[in-house]
PDB file of N, CA and C in Angstrom:
ATOM      1  N   LEU A   1      82.566 279.340  40.691  1.00  0.00           N
ATOM      2  CA  LEU A   1      82.751 278.144  39.882  1.00  0.00           C
ATOM      3  C   LEU A   1      82.327 276.905  40.659  1.00  0.00           C
ATOM      4  N   THR A   2      81.680 276.019  39.977  1.00  0.00           N
ATOM      5  CA  THR A   2      81.390 274.729  40.603  1.00  0.00           C
ATOM      6  C   THR A   2      82.690 273.915  40.614  1.00  0.00           C
ATOM      7  N   PRO A   3      82.772 272.934  41.487  1.00  0.00           N
ATOM      8  CA  PRO A   3      83.972 272.078  41.471  1.00  0.00           C
ATOM      9  C   PRO A   3      84.213 271.433  40.099  1.00  0.00           C
ATOM     10  N   GLU A   4      83.142 271.074  39.407  1.00  0.00           N
ATOM     11  CA  GLU A   4      83.276 270.466  38.080  1.00  0.00           C
ATOM     12  C   GLU A   4      83.842 271.465  37.066  1.00  0.00           C
ATOM     13  N   GLN A   5      83.343 272.719  37.096  1.00  0.00           N
ATOM     14  CA  GLN A   5      83.858 273.749  36.182  1.00  0.00           C
ATOM     15  C   GLN A   5      85.327 274.032  36.461  1.00  0.00           C
ATOM     16  N   GLN A   6      85.682 274.110  37.732  1.00  0.00           N
ATOM     17  CA  GLN A   6      87.073 274.383  38.084  1.00  0.00           C
ATOM     18  C   GLN A   6      87.973 273.231  37.628  1.00  0.00           C
ATOM     19  N   ALA A   7      87.538 272.003  37.837  1.00  0.00           N
ATOM     20  CA  ALA A   7      88.335 270.848  37.409  1.00  0.00           C
ATOM     21  C   ALA A   7      88.495 270.830  35.892  1.00  0.00           C
ATOM     22  N   ALA A   8      87.412 271.161  35.170  1.00  0.00           N
ATOM     23  CA  ALA A   8      87.487 271.200  33.704  1.00  0.00           C
ATOM     24  C   ALA A   8      88.445 272.294  33.242  1.00  0.00           C
ATOM     25  N   LEU A   9      88.399 273.444  33.901  1.00  0.00           N
ATOM     26  CA  LEU A   9      89.304 274.544  33.562  1.00  0.00           C
ATOM     27  C   LEU A   9      90.754 274.137  33.810  1.00  0.00           C
ATOM     28  N   GLU A  10      91.027 273.601  34.978  1.00  0.00           N
ATOM     29  CA  GLU A  10      92.396 273.201  35.297  1.00  0.00           C
ATOM     30  C   GLU A  10      92.909 272.150  34.312  1.00  0.00           C
ATOM     31  N   GLN A  11      92.037 271.242  33.907  1.00  0.00           N
ATOM     32  CA  GLN A  11      92.426 270.223  32.923  1.00  0.00           C
ATOM     33  C   GLN A  11      92.777 270.859  31.584  1.00  0.00           C
ATOM     34  N   ARG A  12      91.958 271.816  31.142  1.00  0.00           N
ATOM     35  CA  ARG A  12      92.235 272.507  29.863  1.00  0.00           C
ATOM     36  C   ARG A  12      93.560 273.265  29.935  1.00  0.00           C
ATOM     37  N   VAL A  13      93.815 273.924  31.056  1.00  0.00           N
ATOM     38  CA  VAL A  13      95.076 274.652  31.222  1.00  0.00           C
ATOM     39  C   VAL A  13      96.241 273.669  31.128  1.00  0.00           C
ATOM     40  N   ARG A  14      96.144 272.541  31.819  1.00  0.00           N
ATOM     41  CA  ARG A  14      97.217 271.537  31.800  1.00  0.00           C
ATOM     42  C   ARG A  14      97.420 270.957  30.394  1.00  0.00           C
ATOM     43  N   GLU A  15      96.320 270.692  29.697  1.00  0.00           N
ATOM     44  CA  GLU A  15      96.424 270.153  28.338  1.00  0.00           C
ATOM     45  C   GLU A  15      97.111 271.148  27.408  1.00  0.00           C
ATOM     46  N   ARG A  16      96.724 272.415  27.513  1.00  0.00           N
ATOM     47  CA  ARG A  16      97.339 273.437  26.660  1.00  0.00           C
ATOM     48  C   ARG A  16      98.827 273.543  26.960  1.00  0.00           C
ATOM     49  N   TRP A  17      99.184 273.536  28.245  1.00  0.00           N
ATOM     50  CA  TRP A  17     100.596 273.629  28.605  1.00  0.00           C
ATOM     51  C   TRP A  17     101.372 272.396  28.163  1.00  0.00           C
ATOM     52  N   GLN A  18     100.740 271.240  28.184  1.00  0.00           N
ATOM     53  CA  GLN A  18     101.424 270.037  27.698  1.00  0.00           C
ATOM     54  C   GLN A  18     101.738 270.191  26.213  1.00  0.00           C
ATOM     55  N   ALA A  19     100.814 270.758  25.459  1.00  0.00           N
ATOM     56  CA  ALA A  19     101.075 271.023  24.033  1.00  0.00           C
ATOM     57  C   ALA A  19     102.214 272.029  23.882  1.00  0.00           C
ATOM     58  N   MET A  20     102.278 273.033  24.758  1.00  0.00           N
ATOM     59  CA  MET A  20     103.388 273.996  24.721  1.00  0.00           C
ATOM     60  C   MET A  20     104.714 273.273  24.983  1.00  0.00           C
ATOM     61  N   ILE A  21     104.730 272.436  26.007  1.00  0.00           N
ATOM     62  CA  ILE A  21     105.941 271.711  26.378  1.00  0.00           C
ATOM     63  C   ILE A  21     106.406 270.835  25.218  1.00  0.00           C
ATOM     64  N   GLU A  22     105.455 270.235  24.517  1.00  0.00           N
ATOM     65  CA  GLU A  22     105.773 269.374  23.370  1.00  0.00           C
ATOM     66  C   GLU A  22     106.017 270.167  22.090  1.00  0.00           C
ATOM     67  N   ARG A  23     105.901 271.476  22.175  1.00  0.00           N
ATOM     68  CA  ARG A  23     106.083 272.386  21.049  1.00  0.00           C
ATOM     69  C   ARG A  23     105.111 272.095  19.901  1.00  0.00           C
ATOM     70  N   ASP A  24     103.935 271.654  20.269  1.00  0.00           N
ATOM     71  CA  ASP A  24     102.874 271.412  19.297  1.00  0.00           C
ATOM     72  C   ASP A  24     102.009 272.665  19.258  1.00  0.00           C
ATOM     73  N   PHE A  25     102.542 273.719  18.644  1.00  0.00           N
ATOM     74  CA  PHE A  25     101.890 275.022  18.687  1.00  0.00           C
ATOM     75  C   PHE A  25     100.594 275.050  17.882  1.00  0.00           C
ATOM     76  N   GLY A  26     100.467 274.158  16.915  1.00  0.00           N
ATOM     77  CA  GLY A  26      99.191 274.023  16.225  1.00  0.00           C
ATOM     78  C   GLY A  26      98.109 273.544  17.182  1.00  0.00           C
ATOM     79  N   GLN A  27      98.466 272.626  18.073  1.00  0.00           N
ATOM     80  CA  GLN A  27      97.515 272.152  19.085  1.00  0.00           C
ATOM     81  C   GLN A  27      97.239 273.252  20.099  1.00  0.00           C
ATOM     82  N   VAL A  28      98.239 274.040  20.447  1.00  0.00           N
ATOM     83  CA  VAL A  28      98.040 275.167  21.368  1.00  0.00           C
ATOM     84  C   VAL A  28      96.989 276.114  20.796  1.00  0.00           C
ATOM     85  N   TRP A  29      97.066 276.378  19.500  1.00  0.00           N
ATOM     86  CA  TRP A  29      96.105 277.252  18.805  1.00  0.00           C
ATOM     87  C   TRP A  29      94.678 276.751  19.011  1.00  0.00           C
ATOM     88  N   GLU A  30      94.492 275.429  19.067  1.00  0.00           N
ATOM     89  CA  GLU A  30      93.160 274.837  19.218  1.00  0.00           C
ATOM     90  C   GLU A  30      92.493 275.232  20.532  1.00  0.00           C
ATOM     91  N   TYR A  31      93.263 275.664  21.517  1.00  0.00           N
ATOM     92  CA  TYR A  31      92.710 276.077  22.807  1.00  0.00           C
ATOM     93  C   TYR A  31      92.316 277.560  22.816  1.00  0.00           C
ATOM     94  N   SER A  32      92.630 278.270  21.754  1.00  0.00           N
ATOM     95  CA  SER A  32      92.258 279.684  21.644  1.00  0.00           C
ATOM     96  C   SER A  32      90.751 279.808  21.425  1.00  0.00           C
ATOM     97  N   THR A  33      90.216 280.963  21.767  1.00  0.00           N
ATOM     98  CA  THR A  33      88.773 281.172  21.595  1.00  0.00           C
ATOM     99  C   THR A  33      88.373 280.991  20.133  1.00  0.00           C
ATOM    100  N   PRO A  34      87.154 280.539  19.891  1.00  0.00           N
ATOM    101  CA  PRO A  34      86.687 280.398  18.511  1.00  0.00           C
ATOM    102  C   PRO A  34      86.786 281.708  17.723  1.00  0.00           C
ATOM    103  N   THR A  35      86.530 282.834  18.379  1.00  0.00           N
ATOM    104  CA  THR A  35      86.638 284.130  17.699  1.00  0.00           C
ATOM    105  C   THR A  35      88.073 284.380  17.246  1.00  0.00           C
ATOM    106  N   PHE A  36      89.020 284.136  18.130  1.00  0.00           N
ATOM    107  CA  PHE A  36      90.433 284.325  17.788  1.00  0.00           C
ATOM    108  C   PHE A  36      90.829 283.423  16.622  1.00  0.00           C
ATOM    109  N   ARG A  37      90.431 282.154  16.686  1.00  0.00           N
ATOM    110  CA  ARG A  37      90.780 281.213  15.627  1.00  0.00           C
ATOM    111  C   ARG A  37      90.147 281.601  14.299  1.00  0.00           C
ATOM    112  N   GLY A  38      88.987 282.267  14.363  1.00  0.00           N
ATOM    113  CA  GLY A  38      88.337 282.709  13.137  1.00  0.00           C
ATOM    114  C   GLY A  38      89.064 283.852  12.459  1.00  0.00           C
ATOM    115  N   VAL A  39      89.873 284.581  13.216  1.00  0.00           N
ATOM    116  CA  VAL A  39      90.584 285.745  12.685  1.00  0.00           C
ATOM    117  C   VAL A  39      92.068 285.447  12.445  1.00  0.00           C
ATOM    118  N   PHE A  40      92.660 284.657  13.324  1.00  0.00           N
ATOM    119  CA  PHE A  40      94.099 284.433  13.294  1.00  0.00           C
ATOM    120  C   PHE A  40      94.371 282.998  12.851  1.00  0.00           C
ATOM    121  N   PRO A  41      94.835 282.794  11.627  1.00  0.00           N
ATOM    122  CA  PRO A  41      95.049 281.433  11.120  1.00  0.00           C
ATOM    123  C   PRO A  41      96.131 280.678  11.894  1.00  0.00           C
ATOM    124  N   LYS A  42      95.937 279.383  11.989  1.00  0.00           N
ATOM    125  CA  LYS A  42      96.880 278.516  12.693  1.00  0.00           C
ATOM    126  C   LYS A  42      98.288 278.663  12.117  1.00  0.00           C
ATOM    127  N   SER A  43      98.395 278.754  10.795  1.00  0.00           N
ATOM    128  CA  SER A  43      99.714 278.839  10.151  1.00  0.00           C
ATOM    129  C   SER A  43     100.501 280.068  10.609  1.00  0.00           C
ATOM    130  N   MET A  44      99.816 281.156  10.887  1.00  0.00           N
ATOM    131  CA  MET A  44     100.494 282.357  11.391  1.00  0.00           C
ATOM    132  C   MET A  44     100.781 282.233  12.883  1.00  0.00           C
ATOM    133  N   TYR A  45      99.860 281.634  13.609  1.00  0.00           N
ATOM    134  CA  TYR A  45      99.974 281.516  15.059  1.00  0.00           C
ATOM    135  C   TYR A  45     101.221 280.744  15.479  1.00  0.00           C
ATOM    136  N   VAL A  46     101.503 279.649  14.799  1.00  0.00           N
ATOM    137  CA  VAL A  46     102.612 278.791  15.210  1.00  0.00           C
ATOM    138  C   VAL A  46     103.966 279.483  15.094  1.00  0.00           C
ATOM    139  N   HIS A  47     104.043 280.553  14.333  1.00  0.00           N
ATOM    140  CA  HIS A  47     105.310 281.279  14.175  1.00  0.00           C
ATOM    141  C   HIS A  47     105.566 282.285  15.291  1.00  0.00           C
ATOM    142  N   ASN A  48     104.653 282.394  16.242  1.00  0.00           N
ATOM    143  CA  ASN A  48     104.797 283.351  17.344  1.00  0.00           C
ATOM    144  C   ASN A  48     105.577 282.801  18.529  1.00  0.00           C
ATOM    145  N   PHE A  49     106.023 281.555  18.449  1.00  0.00           N
ATOM    146  CA  PHE A  49     106.644 280.914  19.597  1.00  0.00           C
ATOM    147  C   PHE A  49     108.134 280.705  19.368  1.00  0.00           C
ATOM    148  N   SER A  50     108.839 280.646  20.467  1.00  0.00           N
ATOM    149  CA  SER A  50     110.279 280.420  20.430  1.00  0.00           C
ATOM    150  C   SER A  50     110.567 278.940  20.677  1.00  0.00           C
ATOM    151  N   TYR A  51     111.498 278.439  19.906  1.00  0.00           N
ATOM    152  CA  TYR A  51     111.953 277.073  20.134  1.00  0.00           C
ATOM    153  C   TYR A  51     113.199 277.076  21.018  1.00  0.00           C
ATOM    154  N   ALA A  52     113.588 278.246  21.502  1.00  0.00           N
ATOM    155  CA  ALA A  52     114.803 278.381  22.294  1.00  0.00           C
ATOM    156  C   ALA A  52     114.536 278.247  23.794  1.00  0.00           C
ATOM    157  N   VAL A  53     113.288 278.011  24.155  1.00  0.00           N
ATOM    158  CA  VAL A  53     112.924 277.906  25.569  1.00  0.00           C
ATOM    159  C   VAL A  53     112.177 276.600  25.779  1.00  0.00           C
ATOM    160  N   GLN A  54     112.457 275.949  26.877  1.00  0.00           N
ATOM    161  CA  GLN A  54     111.656 274.788  27.256  1.00  0.00           C
ATOM    162  C   GLN A  54     110.967 275.077  28.577  1.00  0.00           C
ATOM    163  N   TRP A  55     109.796 274.456  28.749  1.00  0.00           N
ATOM    164  CA  TRP A  55     108.977 274.720  29.908  1.00  0.00           C
ATOM    165  C   TRP A  55     108.638 273.438  30.646  1.00  0.00           C
ATOM    166  N   GLU A  56     108.340 273.619  31.923  1.00  0.00           N
ATOM    167  CA  GLU A  56     107.769 272.545  32.733  1.00  0.00           C
ATOM    168  C   GLU A  56     106.676 273.179  33.581  1.00  0.00           C
ATOM    169  N   LEU A  57     105.466 272.681  33.455  1.00  0.00           N
ATOM    170  CA  LEU A  57     104.350 273.195  34.248  1.00  0.00           C
ATOM    171  C   LEU A  57     104.450 272.633  35.650  1.00  0.00           C
ATOM    172  N   THR A  58     104.463 273.519  36.642  1.00  0.00           N
ATOM    173  CA  THR A  58     104.595 273.082  38.032  1.00  0.00           C
ATOM    174  C   THR A  58     103.324 273.269  38.848  1.00  0.00           C
ATOM    175  N   SER A  59     102.442 274.175  38.414  1.00  0.00           N
ATOM    176  CA  SER A  59     101.199 274.388  39.165  1.00  0.00           C
ATOM    177  C   SER A  59     100.173 275.126  38.314  1.00  0.00           C
ATOM    178  N   VAL A  60      98.920 274.936  38.677  1.00  0.00           N
ATOM    179  CA  VAL A  60      97.809 275.655  38.064  1.00  0.00           C
ATOM    180  C   VAL A  60      96.899 276.104  39.203  1.00  0.00           C
ATOM    181  N   GLU A  61      96.630 277.402  39.251  1.00  0.00           N
ATOM    182  CA  GLU A  61      95.756 277.938  40.299  1.00  0.00           C
ATOM    183  C   GLU A  61      94.741 278.894  39.682  1.00  0.00           C
ATOM    184  N   VAL A  62      93.466 278.615  39.940  1.00  0.00           N
ATOM    185  CA  VAL A  62      92.413 279.548  39.524  1.00  0.00           C
ATOM    186  C   VAL A  62      92.410 280.662  40.554  1.00  0.00           C
ATOM    187  N   VAL A  63      92.742 281.875  40.109  1.00  0.00           N
ATOM    188  CA  VAL A  63      92.919 283.005  41.012  1.00  0.00           C
ATOM    189  C   VAL A  63      91.613 283.772  41.209  1.00  0.00           C
ATOM    190  N   ASP A  64      90.828 283.890  40.142  1.00  0.00           N
ATOM    191  CA  ASP A  64      89.603 284.692  40.215  1.00  0.00           C
ATOM    192  C   ASP A  64      88.637 284.200  39.144  1.00  0.00           C
ATOM    193  N   TYR A  65      87.358 284.456  39.358  1.00  0.00           N
ATOM    194  CA  TYR A  65      86.351 284.119  38.360  1.00  0.00           C
ATOM    195  C   TYR A  65      85.274 285.178  38.376  1.00  0.00           C
ATOM    196  N   ASP A  66      85.000 285.754  37.213  1.00  0.00           N
ATOM    197  CA  ASP A  66      83.938 286.741  37.052  1.00  0.00           C
ATOM    198  C   ASP A  66      82.761 286.020  36.400  1.00  0.00           C
ATOM    199  N   ALA A  67      81.754 285.677  37.196  1.00  0.00           N
ATOM    200  CA  ALA A  67      80.621 284.899  36.697  1.00  0.00           C
ATOM    201  C   ALA A  67      79.831 285.649  35.630  1.00  0.00           C
ATOM    202  N   ASP A  68      79.697 286.974  35.774  1.00  0.00           N
ATOM    203  CA  ASP A  68      78.941 287.747  34.783  1.00  0.00           C
ATOM    204  C   ASP A  68      79.609 287.704  33.408  1.00  0.00           C
ATOM    205  N   ALA A  69      80.929 287.769  33.383  1.00  0.00           N
ATOM    206  CA  ALA A  69      81.663 287.751  32.122  1.00  0.00           C
ATOM    207  C   ALA A  69      82.081 286.338  31.719  1.00  0.00           C
ATOM    208  N   ALA A  70      81.945 285.366  32.639  1.00  0.00           N
ATOM    209  CA  ALA A  70      82.384 283.978  32.424  1.00  0.00           C
ATOM    210  C   ALA A  70      83.868 283.925  32.072  1.00  0.00           C
ATOM    211  N   VAL A  71      84.654 284.691  32.845  1.00  0.00           N
ATOM    212  CA  VAL A  71      86.101 284.778  32.621  1.00  0.00           C
ATOM    213  C   VAL A  71      86.825 284.387  33.904  1.00  0.00           C
ATOM    214  N   ALA A  72      87.788 283.495  33.758  1.00  0.00           N
ATOM    215  CA  ALA A  72      88.597 283.066  34.896  1.00  0.00           C
ATOM    216  C   ALA A  72      90.028 283.545  34.703  1.00  0.00           C
ATOM    217  N   SER A  73      90.633 283.955  35.794  1.00  0.00           N
ATOM    218  CA  SER A  73      92.059 284.288  35.807  1.00  0.00           C
ATOM    219  C   SER A  73      92.794 283.101  36.413  1.00  0.00           C
ATOM    220  N   VAL A  74      93.828 282.658  35.708  1.00  0.00           N
ATOM    221  CA  VAL A  74      94.577 281.480  36.123  1.00  0.00           C
ATOM    222  C   VAL A  74      96.052 281.843  36.222  1.00  0.00           C
ATOM    223  N   ALA A  75      96.701 281.355  37.272  1.00  0.00           N
ATOM    224  CA  ALA A  75      98.150 281.513  37.415  1.00  0.00           C
ATOM    225  C   ALA A  75      98.785 280.159  37.144  1.00  0.00           C
ATOM    226  N   ALA A  76      99.607 280.112  36.106  1.00  0.00           N
ATOM    227  CA  ALA A  76     100.320 278.882  35.764  1.00  0.00           C
ATOM    228  C   ALA A  76     101.756 279.028  36.240  1.00  0.00           C
ATOM    229  N   GLY A  77     102.168 278.133  37.117  1.00  0.00           N
ATOM    230  CA  GLY A  77     103.557 278.113  37.562  1.00  0.00           C
ATOM    231  C   GLY A  77     104.369 277.313  36.569  1.00  0.00           C
ATOM    232  N   VAL A  78     105.430 277.924  36.061  1.00  0.00           N
ATOM    233  CA  VAL A  78     106.207 277.301  34.995  1.00  0.00           C
ATOM    234  C   VAL A  78     107.696 277.455  35.297  1.00  0.00           C
ATOM    235  N   MET A  79     108.433 276.364  35.102  1.00  0.00           N
ATOM    236  CA  MET A  79     109.890 276.438  35.110  1.00  0.00           C
ATOM    237  C   MET A  79     110.294 276.653  33.657  1.00  0.00           C
ATOM    238  N   SER A  80     111.106 277.660  33.426  1.00  0.00           N
ATOM    239  CA  SER A  80     111.500 278.043  32.073  1.00  0.00           C
ATOM    240  C   SER A  80     113.017 278.037  31.978  1.00  0.00           C
ATOM    241  N   MET A  81     113.539 277.442  30.891  1.00  0.00           N
ATOM    242  CA  MET A  81     114.979 277.496  30.701  1.00  0.00           C
ATOM    243  C   MET A  81     115.311 277.425  29.223  1.00  0.00           C
ATOM    244  N   PRO A  82     116.448 278.011  28.850  1.00  0.00           N
ATOM    245  CA  PRO A  82     116.841 277.992  27.446  1.00  0.00           C
ATOM    246  C   PRO A  82     117.189 276.566  27.008  1.00  0.00           C
ATOM    247  N   THR A  83     116.874 276.254  25.752  1.00  0.00           N
ATOM    248  CA  THR A  83     117.198 274.927  25.243  1.00  0.00           C
ATOM    249  C   THR A  83     118.696 274.799  24.968  1.00  0.00           C
ATOM    250  N   LYS A  84     119.313 275.904  24.593  1.00  0.00           N
ATOM    251  CA  LYS A  84     120.754 275.920  24.375  1.00  0.00           C
ATOM    252  C   LYS A  84     121.360 276.930  25.337  1.00  0.00           C
ATOM    253  N   GLN A  85     122.157 276.441  26.246  1.00  0.00           N
ATOM    254  CA  GLN A  85     122.777 277.345  27.212  1.00  0.00           C
ATOM    255  C   GLN A  85     124.096 277.825  26.618  1.00  0.00           C
ATOM    256  N   THR A  86     124.018 278.991  25.981  1.00  0.00           N
ATOM    257  CA  THR A  86     125.146 279.497  25.208  1.00  0.00           C
ATOM    258  C   THR A  86     126.104 280.365  26.009  1.00  0.00           C
ATOM    259  N   SER A  87     125.740 280.702  27.205  1.00  0.00           N
ATOM    260  CA  SER A  87     126.634 281.541  28.006  1.00  0.00           C
ATOM    261  C   SER A  87     126.795 280.942  29.386  1.00  0.00           C
ATOM    262  N   SER A  88     127.824 281.364  30.065  1.00  0.00           N
ATOM    263  CA  SER A  88     128.023 280.877  31.430  1.00  0.00           C
ATOM    264  C   SER A  88     126.904 281.377  32.339  1.00  0.00           C
ATOM    265  N   ALA A  89     126.366 282.549  32.027  1.00  0.00           N
ATOM    266  CA  ALA A  89     125.257 283.086  32.824  1.00  0.00           C
ATOM    267  C   ALA A  89     124.020 282.194  32.693  1.00  0.00           C
ATOM    268  N   SER A  90     123.684 281.767  31.464  1.00  0.00           N
ATOM    269  CA  SER A  90     122.498 280.921  31.292  1.00  0.00           C
ATOM    270  C   SER A  90     122.722 279.551  31.925  1.00  0.00           C
ATOM    271  N   ARG A  91     123.943 279.048  31.886  1.00  0.00           N
ATOM    272  CA  ARG A  91     124.240 277.773  32.556  1.00  0.00           C
ATOM    273  C   ARG A  91     124.109 277.923  34.065  1.00  0.00           C
ATOM    274  N   ALA A  92     124.560 279.052  34.581  1.00  0.00           N
ATOM    275  CA  ALA A  92     124.494 279.285  36.025  1.00  0.00           C
ATOM    276  C   ALA A  92     123.057 279.445  36.502  1.00  0.00           C
ATOM    277  N   LEU A  93     122.232 280.117  35.690  1.00  0.00           N
ATOM    278  CA  LEU A  93     120.833 280.326  36.078  1.00  0.00           C
ATOM    279  C   LEU A  93     120.035 279.043  36.032  1.00  0.00           C
ATOM    280  N   GLY A  94     120.227 278.254  34.994  1.00  0.00           N
ATOM    281  CA  GLY A  94     119.434 277.031  34.841  1.00  0.00           C
ATOM    282  C   GLY A  94     117.968 277.359  34.645  1.00  0.00           C
ATOM    283  N   ALA A  95     117.100 276.547  35.235  1.00  0.00           N
ATOM    284  CA  ALA A  95     115.661 276.760  35.126  1.00  0.00           C
ATOM    285  C   ALA A  95     115.229 277.894  36.053  1.00  0.00           C
ATOM    286  N   VAL A  96     114.337 278.728  35.547  1.00  0.00           N
ATOM    287  CA  VAL A  96     113.848 279.881  36.300  1.00  0.00           C
ATOM    288  C   VAL A  96     112.345 279.724  36.506  1.00  0.00           C
ATOM    289  N   PRO A  97     111.881 279.827  37.761  1.00  0.00           N
ATOM    290  CA  PRO A  97     110.434 279.741  37.990  1.00  0.00           C
ATOM    291  C   PRO A  97     109.753 281.052  37.618  1.00  0.00           C
ATOM    292  N   VAL A  98     108.653 280.950  36.891  1.00  0.00           N
ATOM    293  CA  VAL A  98     107.858 282.123  36.540  1.00  0.00           C
ATOM    294  C   VAL A  98     106.381 281.786  36.754  1.00  0.00           C
ATOM    295  N   THR A  99     105.602 282.817  36.994  1.00  0.00           N
ATOM    296  CA  THR A  99     104.151 282.664  37.068  1.00  0.00           C
ATOM    297  C   THR A  99     103.562 283.401  35.880  1.00  0.00           C
ATOM    298  N   ILE A 100     102.816 282.673  35.088  1.00  0.00           N
ATOM    299  CA  ILE A 100     102.198 283.245  33.895  1.00  0.00           C
ATOM    300  C   ILE A 100     100.708 283.382  34.172  1.00  0.00           C
ATOM    301  N   HIS A 101     100.219 284.609  34.049  1.00  0.00           N
ATOM    302  CA  HIS A 101      98.806 284.879  34.305  1.00  0.00           C
ATOM    303  C   HIS A 101      98.046 284.778  32.989  1.00  0.00           C
ATOM    304  N   GLU A 102      97.038 283.932  32.995  1.00  0.00           N
ATOM    305  CA  GLU A 102      96.246 283.680  31.800  1.00  0.00           C
ATOM    306  C   GLU A 102      94.781 283.999  32.065  1.00  0.00           C
ATOM    307  N   LYS A 103      94.086 284.307  30.979  1.00  0.00           N
ATOM    308  CA  LYS A 103      92.652 284.541  31.048  1.00  0.00           C
ATOM    309  C   LYS A 103      91.975 283.432  30.239  1.00  0.00           C
ATOM    310  N   TRP A 104      90.979 282.804  30.845  1.00  0.00           N
ATOM    311  CA  TRP A 104      90.222 281.741  30.195  1.00  0.00           C
ATOM    312  C   TRP A 104      88.748 282.112  30.202  1.00  0.00           C
ATOM    313  N   ILE A 105      88.092 281.906  29.063  1.00  0.00           N
ATOM    314  CA  ILE A 105      86.693 282.290  28.887  1.00  0.00           C
ATOM    315  C   ILE A 105      85.840 281.030  28.739  1.00  0.00           C
ATOM    316  N   PHE A 106      84.733 280.992  29.468  1.00  0.00           N
ATOM    317  CA  PHE A 106      83.808 279.866  29.377  1.00  0.00           C
ATOM    318  C   PHE A 106      82.699 280.237  28.418  1.00  0.00           C
ATOM    319  N   THR A 107      82.635 279.542  27.294  1.00  0.00           N
ATOM    320  CA  THR A 107      81.594 279.805  26.317  1.00  0.00           C
ATOM    321  C   THR A 107      81.225 278.510  25.605  1.00  0.00           C
ATOM    322  N   ASP A 108      79.947 278.378  25.304  1.00  0.00           N
ATOM    323  CA  ASP A 108      79.438 277.185  24.629  1.00  0.00           C
ATOM    324  C   ASP A 108      79.855 275.902  25.339  1.00  0.00           C
ATOM    325  N   GLY A 109      79.883 275.948  26.677  1.00  0.00           N
ATOM    326  CA  GLY A 109      80.165 274.761  27.461  1.00  0.00           C
ATOM    327  C   GLY A 109      81.619 274.332  27.515  1.00  0.00           C
ATOM    328  N   GLU A 110      82.542 275.214  27.101  1.00  0.00           N
ATOM    329  CA  GLU A 110      83.972 274.869  27.079  1.00  0.00           C
ATOM    330  C   GLU A 110      84.812 276.053  27.517  1.00  0.00           C
ATOM    331  N   TRP A 111      85.987 275.752  28.089  1.00  0.00           N
ATOM    332  CA  TRP A 111      86.950 276.782  28.464  1.00  0.00           C
ATOM    333  C   TRP A 111      87.890 277.037  27.289  1.00  0.00           C
ATOM    334  N   TRP A 112      88.103 278.332  27.004  1.00  0.00           N
ATOM    335  CA  TRP A 112      88.980 278.745  25.900  1.00  0.00           C
ATOM    336  C   TRP A 112      90.003 279.747  26.411  1.00  0.00           C
ATOM    337  N   HIS A 113      91.226 279.566  25.968  1.00  0.00           N
ATOM    338  CA  HIS A 113      92.310 280.487  26.344  1.00  0.00           C
ATOM    339  C   HIS A 113      92.132 281.802  25.581  1.00  0.00           C
ATOM    340  N   SER A 114      92.183 282.900  26.300  1.00  0.00           N
ATOM    341  CA  SER A 114      92.078 284.223  25.689  1.00  0.00           C
ATOM    342  C   SER A 114      93.466 284.793  25.478  1.00  0.00           C
ATOM    343  N   THR A 115      93.747 285.199  24.254  1.00  0.00           N
ATOM    344  CA  THR A 115      95.067 285.754  23.947  1.00  0.00           C
ATOM    345  C   THR A 115      95.126 287.253  24.180  1.00  0.00           C
ATOM    346  N   SER A 116      93.991 287.849  24.526  1.00  0.00           N
ATOM    347  CA  SER A 116      93.986 289.300  24.754  1.00  0.00           C
ATOM    348  C   SER A 116      93.874 289.583  26.240  1.00  0.00           C
ATOM    349  N   ASP A 117      94.314 290.764  26.635  1.00  0.00           N
ATOM    350  CA  ASP A 117      94.192 291.186  28.022  1.00  0.00           C
ATOM    351  C   ASP A 117      92.848 291.846  28.178  1.00  0.00           C
TER     352      ASP A 117
END
C-alpha cells in the first residue's frame, strides 16, 4: 500500500466506526461493497445491529494487504459495553476491549467494507 492508500483506508474505517458509534446503521451500510448493497437492501441491513451495546474506537491497524486481490485486513480496537447494565456482573465488567478483524476491498478507487469472510 502507498502511504496515501493506507491513510484513505484508515479514514474510511474510522468514518464507518463513527457511524456505528452514532448508531447510524444506514450510513454504515453505505460503506459496504457495491455488490453487497446491490443484493442486501439498506432497510434489511439496519435491523442486524444491536442497540444494547455502545462502542468506542480506540485504534485502527492495517494488518495485511493482498495487492493481487486488492484486499486489506484491518484490526479495529474497540471498547464495547452494554448500554443498560442490568446485572452486577455487567456493572463490574464495564467496558471491554475487543479487536475486530475486518476485510476491506479496494475497487473503483475506493475502499469498501466486506461483510463476508
